[in-house]
PDB file of all heavy atoms in Angstrom:
ATOM      1  N   ASN A   1      -1.225  -0.277  41.138  1.00  0.00           N
ATOM      2  CA  ASN A   1      -0.677  -1.146  40.104  1.00  0.00           C
ATOM      3  C   ASN A   1       0.323  -0.439  39.184  1.00  0.00           C
ATOM      4  O   ASN A   1      -0.024  -0.030  38.091  1.00  0.00           O
ATOM      5  CB  ASN A   1      -1.976  -1.663  39.243  1.00  0.00           C
ATOM      6  CG  ASN A   1      -1.571  -2.742  38.266  1.00  0.00           C
ATOM      7  OD1 ASN A   1      -0.394  -3.322  38.308  1.00  0.00           O
ATOM      8  ND2 ASN A   1      -2.497  -3.072  37.430  1.00  0.00           N
ATOM      9  N   PRO A   2       1.515  -0.285  39.677  1.00  0.00           N
ATOM     10  CA  PRO A   2       2.500   0.496  38.933  1.00  0.00           C
ATOM     11  C   PRO A   2       2.854  -0.110  37.594  1.00  0.00           C
ATOM     12  O   PRO A   2       3.124   0.607  36.612  1.00  0.00           O
ATOM     13  CB  PRO A   2       3.713   0.578  39.863  1.00  0.00           C
ATOM     14  CG  PRO A   2       3.187   0.240  41.235  1.00  0.00           C
ATOM     15  CD  PRO A   2       2.083  -0.660  40.974  1.00  0.00           C
ATOM     16  N   LYS A   3       2.765  -1.412  37.472  1.00  0.00           N
ATOM     17  CA  LYS A   3       3.124  -2.082  36.237  1.00  0.00           C
ATOM     18  C   LYS A   3       2.023  -2.050  35.149  1.00  0.00           C
ATOM     19  O   LYS A   3       2.312  -2.524  33.978  1.00  0.00           O
ATOM     20  CB  LYS A   3       3.492  -3.619  36.501  1.00  0.00           C
ATOM     21  CG  LYS A   3       4.717  -3.717  37.355  1.00  0.00           C
ATOM     22  CD  LYS A   3       5.116  -5.138  37.579  1.00  0.00           C
ATOM     23  CE  LYS A   3       6.393  -5.295  38.418  1.00  0.00           C
ATOM     24  NZ  LYS A   3       6.765  -6.750  38.623  1.00  0.00           N
ATOM     25  N   LYS A   4       0.922  -1.597  35.505  1.00  0.00           N
ATOM     26  CA  LYS A   4      -0.249  -1.430  34.569  1.00  0.00           C
ATOM     27  C   LYS A   4      -0.640  -2.732  33.970  1.00  0.00           C
ATOM     28  O   LYS A   4      -1.055  -2.805  32.823  1.00  0.00           O
ATOM     29  CB  LYS A   4       0.105  -0.467  33.420  1.00  0.00           C
ATOM     30  CG  LYS A   4       0.307   1.032  33.961  1.00  0.00           C
ATOM     31  CD  LYS A   4      -0.999   1.626  34.345  1.00  0.00           C
ATOM     32  CE  LYS A   4      -0.760   3.033  34.743  1.00  0.00           C
ATOM     33  NZ  LYS A   4      -2.055   3.741  35.043  1.00  0.00           N
ATOM     34  N   VAL A   5      -0.632  -3.833  34.752  1.00  0.00           N
ATOM     35  CA  VAL A   5      -1.119  -5.121  34.272  1.00  0.00           C
ATOM     36  C   VAL A   5      -2.514  -5.270  34.585  1.00  0.00           C
ATOM     37  O   VAL A   5      -3.082  -4.564  35.500  1.00  0.00           O
ATOM     38  CB  VAL A   5      -0.222  -6.266  34.976  1.00  0.00           C
ATOM     39  CG1 VAL A   5       1.188  -6.187  34.522  1.00  0.00           C
ATOM     40  CG2 VAL A   5      -0.385  -6.194  36.466  1.00  0.00           C
ATOM     41  N   TYR A   6      -3.165  -6.177  33.847  1.00  0.00           N
ATOM     42  CA  TYR A   6      -4.607  -6.363  34.109  1.00  0.00           C
ATOM     43  C   TYR A   6      -4.910  -7.009  35.540  1.00  0.00           C
ATOM     44  O   TYR A   6      -4.466  -8.196  35.727  1.00  0.00           O
ATOM     45  CB  TYR A   6      -5.222  -7.209  33.084  1.00  0.00           C
ATOM     46  CG  TYR A   6      -6.716  -7.447  33.218  1.00  0.00           C
ATOM     47  CD1 TYR A   6      -7.635  -6.403  33.213  1.00  0.00           C
ATOM     48  CD2 TYR A   6      -7.218  -8.701  33.375  1.00  0.00           C
ATOM     49  CE1 TYR A   6      -8.986  -6.630  33.460  1.00  0.00           C
ATOM     50  CE2 TYR A   6      -8.533  -9.013  33.593  1.00  0.00           C
ATOM     51  CZ  TYR A   6      -9.478  -7.895  33.636  1.00  0.00           C
ATOM     52  OH  TYR A   6     -10.782  -8.071  33.784  1.00  0.00           O
ATOM     53  N   ASP A   7      -5.524  -6.310  36.360  1.00  0.00           N
ATOM     54  CA  ASP A   7      -5.948  -6.753  37.782  1.00  0.00           C
ATOM     55  C   ASP A   7      -7.292  -6.339  38.040  1.00  0.00           C
ATOM     56  O   ASP A   7      -7.571  -5.219  38.348  1.00  0.00           O
ATOM     57  CB  ASP A   7      -4.895  -6.223  38.727  1.00  0.00           C
ATOM     58  CG  ASP A   7      -5.084  -6.779  40.159  1.00  0.00           C
ATOM     59  OD1 ASP A   7      -5.961  -7.741  40.219  1.00  0.00           O
ATOM     60  OD2 ASP A   7      -4.378  -6.406  41.024  1.00  0.00           O
ATOM     61  N   PRO A   8      -8.289  -7.260  37.898  1.00  0.00           N
ATOM     62  CA  PRO A   8      -9.651  -6.837  38.162  1.00  0.00           C
ATOM     63  C   PRO A   8      -9.948  -6.270  39.569  1.00  0.00           C
ATOM     64  O   PRO A   8     -10.724  -5.346  39.645  1.00  0.00           O
ATOM     65  CB  PRO A   8     -10.450  -8.183  37.928  1.00  0.00           C
ATOM     66  CG  PRO A   8      -9.558  -9.019  37.151  1.00  0.00           C
ATOM     67  CD  PRO A   8      -8.213  -8.613  37.542  1.00  0.00           C
ATOM     68  N   VAL A   9      -9.210  -6.783  40.546  1.00  0.00           N
ATOM     69  CA  VAL A   9      -9.489  -6.310  41.923  1.00  0.00           C
ATOM     70  C   VAL A   9      -9.058  -4.817  41.947  1.00  0.00           C
ATOM     71  O   VAL A   9      -9.673  -4.006  42.608  1.00  0.00           O
ATOM     72  CB  VAL A   9      -8.772  -7.169  42.983  1.00  0.00           C
ATOM     73  CG1 VAL A   9      -8.901  -6.595  44.409  1.00  0.00           C
ATOM     74  CG2 VAL A   9      -9.281  -8.592  42.871  1.00  0.00           C
ATOM     75  N   THR A  10      -7.841  -4.544  41.435  1.00  0.00           N
ATOM     76  CA  THR A  10      -7.298  -3.226  41.479  1.00  0.00           C
ATOM     77  C   THR A  10      -8.161  -2.225  40.722  1.00  0.00           C
ATOM     78  O   THR A  10      -8.509  -1.117  41.208  1.00  0.00           O
ATOM     79  CB  THR A  10      -5.885  -3.152  40.915  1.00  0.00           C
ATOM     80  OG1 THR A  10      -5.085  -4.023  41.671  1.00  0.00           O
ATOM     81  CG2 THR A  10      -5.301  -1.808  40.896  1.00  0.00           C
ATOM     82  N   HIS A  11      -8.578  -2.649  39.487  1.00  0.00           N
ATOM     83  CA  HIS A  11      -9.467  -1.781  38.807  1.00  0.00           C
ATOM     84  C   HIS A  11     -10.829  -1.512  39.424  1.00  0.00           C
ATOM     85  O   HIS A  11     -11.290  -0.404  39.417  1.00  0.00           O
ATOM     86  CB  HIS A  11      -9.657  -2.368  37.392  1.00  0.00           C
ATOM     87  CG  HIS A  11      -8.423  -2.583  36.596  1.00  0.00           C
ATOM     88  ND1 HIS A  11      -7.399  -1.665  36.637  1.00  0.00           N
ATOM     89  CD2 HIS A  11      -8.001  -3.600  35.818  1.00  0.00           C
ATOM     90  CE1 HIS A  11      -6.401  -2.144  35.899  1.00  0.00           C
ATOM     91  NE2 HIS A  11      -6.797  -3.332  35.336  1.00  0.00           N
ATOM     92  N   CYS A  12     -11.333  -2.558  40.019  1.00  0.00           N
ATOM     93  CA  CYS A  12     -12.651  -2.332  40.686  1.00  0.00           C
ATOM     94  C   CYS A  12     -12.534  -1.424  41.953  1.00  0.00           C
ATOM     95  O   CYS A  12     -13.326  -0.497  42.124  1.00  0.00           O
ATOM     96  CB  CYS A  12     -13.187  -3.702  41.119  1.00  0.00           C
ATOM     97  SG  CYS A  12     -14.816  -3.658  41.887  1.00  0.00           S
ATOM     98  N   ALA A  13     -11.498  -1.652  42.708  1.00  0.00           N
ATOM     99  CA  ALA A  13     -11.291  -0.830  43.909  1.00  0.00           C
ATOM    100  C   ALA A  13     -10.946   0.577  43.516  1.00  0.00           C
ATOM    101  O   ALA A  13     -11.476   1.607  44.184  1.00  0.00           O
ATOM    102  CB  ALA A  13     -10.164  -1.406  44.798  1.00  0.00           C
ATOM    103  N   ALA A  14     -10.082   0.837  42.565  1.00  0.00           N
ATOM    104  CA  ALA A  14      -9.711   2.151  42.131  1.00  0.00           C
ATOM    105  C   ALA A  14     -10.938   2.873  41.613  1.00  0.00           C
ATOM    106  O   ALA A  14     -11.124   4.126  41.800  1.00  0.00           O
ATOM    107  CB  ALA A  14      -8.542   2.161  41.144  1.00  0.00           C
ATOM    108  N   GLY A  15     -11.773   2.201  40.743  1.00  0.00           N
ATOM    109  CA  GLY A  15     -12.902   2.814  40.250  1.00  0.00           C
ATOM    110  C   GLY A  15     -13.918   3.212  41.331  1.00  0.00           C
ATOM    111  O   GLY A  15     -14.545   4.294  41.206  1.00  0.00           O
ATOM    112  N   ALA A  16     -14.148   2.361  42.301  1.00  0.00           N
ATOM    113  CA  ALA A  16     -15.046   2.625  43.360  1.00  0.00           C
ATOM    114  C   ALA A  16     -14.610   3.860  44.215  1.00  0.00           C
ATOM    115  O   ALA A  16     -15.392   4.823  44.430  1.00  0.00           O
ATOM    116  CB  ALA A  16     -15.219   1.451  44.266  1.00  0.00           C
ATOM    117  N   VAL A  17     -13.347   3.926  44.555  1.00  0.00           N
ATOM    118  CA  VAL A  17     -12.758   5.051  45.333  1.00  0.00           C
ATOM    119  C   VAL A  17     -12.887   6.312  44.572  1.00  0.00           C
ATOM    120  O   VAL A  17     -13.230   7.391  45.084  1.00  0.00           O
ATOM    121  CB  VAL A  17     -11.386   4.689  45.780  1.00  0.00           C
ATOM    122  CG1 VAL A  17     -10.780   5.981  46.541  1.00  0.00           C
ATOM    123  CG2 VAL A  17     -11.338   3.568  46.792  1.00  0.00           C
ATOM    124  N   ALA A  18     -12.453   6.238  43.271  1.00  0.00           N
ATOM    125  CA  ALA A  18     -12.519   7.510  42.461  1.00  0.00           C
ATOM    126  C   ALA A  18     -13.950   7.970  42.293  1.00  0.00           C
ATOM    127  O   ALA A  18     -14.181   9.231  42.365  1.00  0.00           O
ATOM    128  CB  ALA A  18     -11.963   7.152  41.077  1.00  0.00           C
ATOM    129  N   GLY A  19     -14.919   7.094  42.128  1.00  0.00           N
ATOM    130  CA  GLY A  19     -16.302   7.562  41.985  1.00  0.00           C
ATOM    131  C   GLY A  19     -16.825   8.174  43.284  1.00  0.00           C
ATOM    132  O   GLY A  19     -17.535   9.187  43.227  1.00  0.00           O
ATOM    133  N   GLY A  20     -16.486   7.546  44.375  1.00  0.00           N
ATOM    134  CA  GLY A  20     -16.917   8.076  45.666  1.00  0.00           C
ATOM    135  C   GLY A  20     -16.300   9.434  45.962  1.00  0.00           C
ATOM    136  O   GLY A  20     -16.918  10.320  46.434  1.00  0.00           O
ATOM    137  N   PHE A  21     -15.057   9.573  45.583  1.00  0.00           N
ATOM    138  CA  PHE A  21     -14.304  10.873  45.807  1.00  0.00           C
ATOM    139  C   PHE A  21     -14.946  11.963  44.913  1.00  0.00           C
ATOM    140  O   PHE A  21     -15.244  13.065  45.428  1.00  0.00           O
ATOM    141  CB  PHE A  21     -12.857  10.664  45.446  1.00  0.00           C
ATOM    142  CG  PHE A  21     -12.085  11.970  45.353  1.00  0.00           C
ATOM    143  CD1 PHE A  21     -11.655  12.586  46.510  1.00  0.00           C
ATOM    144  CD2 PHE A  21     -11.741  12.506  44.088  1.00  0.00           C
ATOM    145  CE1 PHE A  21     -10.908  13.823  46.395  1.00  0.00           C
ATOM    146  CE2 PHE A  21     -11.020  13.672  44.020  1.00  0.00           C
ATOM    147  CZ  PHE A  21     -10.603  14.374  45.206  1.00  0.00           C
ATOM    148  N   ALA A  22     -15.212  11.646  43.726  1.00  0.00           N
ATOM    149  CA  ALA A  22     -15.867  12.646  42.794  1.00  0.00           C
ATOM    150  C   ALA A  22     -17.318  13.010  43.228  1.00  0.00           C
ATOM    151  O   ALA A  22     -17.718  14.145  43.153  1.00  0.00           O
ATOM    152  CB  ALA A  22     -15.808  12.144  41.412  1.00  0.00           C
ATOM    153  N   ALA A  23     -18.013  11.954  43.693  1.00  0.00           N
ATOM    154  CA  ALA A  23     -19.370  12.226  44.084  1.00  0.00           C
ATOM    155  C   ALA A  23     -19.439  13.111  45.320  1.00  0.00           C
ATOM    156  O   ALA A  23     -20.362  13.976  45.471  1.00  0.00           O
ATOM    157  CB  ALA A  23     -20.039  10.844  44.330  1.00  0.00           C
ATOM    158  N   ALA A  24     -18.530  12.868  46.282  1.00  0.00           N
ATOM    159  CA  ALA A  24     -18.479  13.679  47.450  1.00  0.00           C
ATOM    160  C   ALA A  24     -18.209  15.086  47.159  1.00  0.00           C
ATOM    161  O   ALA A  24     -18.929  16.057  47.732  1.00  0.00           O
ATOM    162  CB  ALA A  24     -17.419  13.086  48.479  1.00  0.00           C
ATOM    163  N   LEU A  25     -17.287  15.414  46.310  1.00  0.00           N
ATOM    164  CA  LEU A  25     -16.922  16.799  46.062  1.00  0.00           C
ATOM    165  C   LEU A  25     -17.913  17.586  45.155  1.00  0.00           C
ATOM    166  O   LEU A  25     -17.986  18.700  45.253  1.00  0.00           O
ATOM    167  CB  LEU A  25     -15.548  16.834  45.280  1.00  0.00           C
ATOM    168  CG  LEU A  25     -14.338  16.431  46.096  1.00  0.00           C
ATOM    169  CD1 LEU A  25     -13.030  16.549  45.368  1.00  0.00           C
ATOM    170  CD2 LEU A  25     -14.273  17.219  47.473  1.00  0.00           C
ATOM    171  N   THR A  26     -18.774  16.826  44.417  1.00  0.00           N
ATOM    172  CA  THR A  26     -19.782  17.465  43.608  1.00  0.00           C
ATOM    173  C   THR A  26     -21.223  17.418  44.196  1.00  0.00           C
ATOM    174  O   THR A  26     -22.203  17.720  43.462  1.00  0.00           O
ATOM    175  CB  THR A  26     -19.802  16.797  42.210  1.00  0.00           C
ATOM    176  OG1 THR A  26     -19.964  15.427  42.290  1.00  0.00           O
ATOM    177  CG2 THR A  26     -18.439  17.091  41.452  1.00  0.00           C
ATOM    178  N   THR A  27     -21.257  17.027  45.430  1.00  0.00           N
ATOM    179  CA  THR A  27     -22.538  16.946  46.138  1.00  0.00           C
ATOM    180  C   THR A  27     -23.277  18.281  46.138  1.00  0.00           C
ATOM    181  O   THR A  27     -24.561  18.368  46.024  1.00  0.00           O
ATOM    182  CB  THR A  27     -22.403  16.348  47.526  1.00  0.00           C
ATOM    183  OG1 THR A  27     -21.949  14.988  47.442  1.00  0.00           O
ATOM    184  CG2 THR A  27     -23.715  16.342  48.263  1.00  0.00           C
TER     185      THR A  27
END
């Protein structure tokens, strides 16, 4: 979302991937 507009789908997907990425590295 380069324009930084409110997009629930983008925020939800980015939050899920970011959480999974951080969880895997700190296992």
